[in-house]
Protein backbone atom coordinates (compact mmCIF):
# COMPACT_ATOMS: atom_id res chain seq x y z
CA MET A 1 -64.79 178.83 203.99
CA ASP A 2 -66.60 181.72 202.33
CA GLY A 3 -68.29 181.06 199.04
CA PRO A 4 -70.05 183.20 196.49
CA LEU A 5 -73.40 182.56 198.17
CA GLY A 6 -72.47 183.57 201.68
CA LYS A 7 -70.47 182.57 204.69
CA GLY A 8 -69.95 178.93 205.55
CA GLY A 9 -70.98 177.29 208.78
CA GLY A 10 -74.37 175.96 207.83
CA SER A 11 -75.29 173.27 205.42
CA GLY A 12 -77.12 174.04 202.22
CA ILE A 13 -77.31 177.21 200.21
CA LEU A 14 -76.81 180.42 202.20
CA GLY A 15 -76.35 178.45 205.40
CA PHE A 16 -79.93 177.13 205.52
CA ASP A 17 -80.30 173.69 207.01
CA PRO A 18 -82.67 171.55 204.92
CA LYS A 19 -83.92 169.81 208.08
CA TRP A 20 -84.82 173.18 209.59
CA ILE A 21 -86.67 174.23 206.45
CA PHE A 22 -88.60 170.95 206.32
CA ALA A 23 -89.51 171.14 210.03
CA SER A 24 -90.65 174.75 209.73
CA LEU A 25 -92.73 173.86 206.68
CA VAL A 26 -94.42 170.95 208.49
CA ILE A 27 -95.05 172.97 211.66
CA SER A 28 -96.40 175.96 209.74
CA SER A 29 -98.63 173.67 207.67
CA ILE A 30 -100.11 172.13 210.81
CA GLY A 31 -100.60 175.65 212.12
CA PHE A 32 -102.39 176.67 208.94
CA VAL A 33 -104.79 173.72 209.21
CA LEU A 34 -105.46 174.49 212.89
CA LEU A 35 -106.02 178.17 212.12
CA HIS A 36 -108.42 177.37 209.31
CA TYR A 37 -110.31 174.84 211.44
CA GLY A 38 -110.49 177.21 214.41
CA LYS A 39 -111.76 180.04 212.24
CA LYS A 40 -114.35 177.89 210.45
CA MET A 41 -115.69 176.19 213.58
CA GLY A 42 -115.35 179.18 215.90
CA ARG A 43 -112.83 177.36 218.12
CA ILE A 44 -110.57 179.90 219.82
CA PRO A 45 -107.90 177.45 221.17
CA GLN A 46 -107.26 175.95 217.73
CA LEU A 47 -107.23 179.39 216.13
CA VAL A 48 -104.68 180.78 218.60
CA VAL A 49 -102.39 177.72 218.52
CA GLY A 50 -102.61 177.61 214.73
CA LEU A 51 -101.57 181.24 214.50
CA LEU A 52 -98.70 180.69 216.92
CA MET A 53 -97.51 177.62 215.00
CA MET A 54 -97.50 179.58 211.77
CA ILE A 55 -95.52 182.49 213.22
CA TYR A 56 -92.95 181.15 215.69
CA PRO A 57 -90.74 179.20 213.20
CA TYR A 58 -89.66 182.57 211.79
CA PHE A 59 -88.04 183.45 215.11
CA VAL A 60 -86.50 180.11 216.14
CA THR A 61 -83.19 179.47 214.42
CA ALA A 62 -82.40 175.98 215.70
CA LEU A 63 -84.13 172.73 214.83
CA LEU A 64 -84.48 171.15 218.27
CA PRO A 65 -86.07 174.17 220.01
CA MET A 66 -88.45 174.54 217.07
CA VAL A 67 -89.62 170.95 217.41
CA ILE A 68 -89.86 171.21 221.21
CA VAL A 69 -91.96 174.39 221.04
CA GLY A 70 -94.22 172.83 218.38
CA ALA A 71 -94.72 169.73 220.50
CA ALA A 72 -95.41 171.85 223.58
CA LEU A 73 -98.02 173.88 221.69
CA CYS A 74 -99.72 170.68 220.50
CA VAL A 75 -99.71 169.16 223.99
CA GLY A 76 -101.03 172.43 225.42
CA LEU A 77 -103.82 172.47 222.85
CA TRP A 78 -104.68 168.86 223.67
CA VAL A 79 -104.86 169.65 227.40
CA VAL A 80 -107.01 172.74 226.86
CA VAL A 81 -109.43 170.82 224.61
CA ARG A 82 -109.61 167.95 227.12
CA LEU A 83 -110.50 170.48 229.83
CA GLY A 84 -113.54 171.48 227.82
CA TRP A 85 -112.60 174.58 225.88
């Protein structure tokens, strides 16, 4: 059903899913903290992962892939830090 605010199919206004918005906000916030920490302490892995976590939610349109990519980035960062970077 088409409404005055756009086509139907998604939940929320203009087809935005509130769960997707919340997840992207949380992931981007974690990315911002990592970016700030990496920049302040001169830590390249945290800086790069923080930047990636701030940017990629703009390009992922589904909730589950967004959470999986965020978890994979965090696990990758953990592994790189444990290896001594």
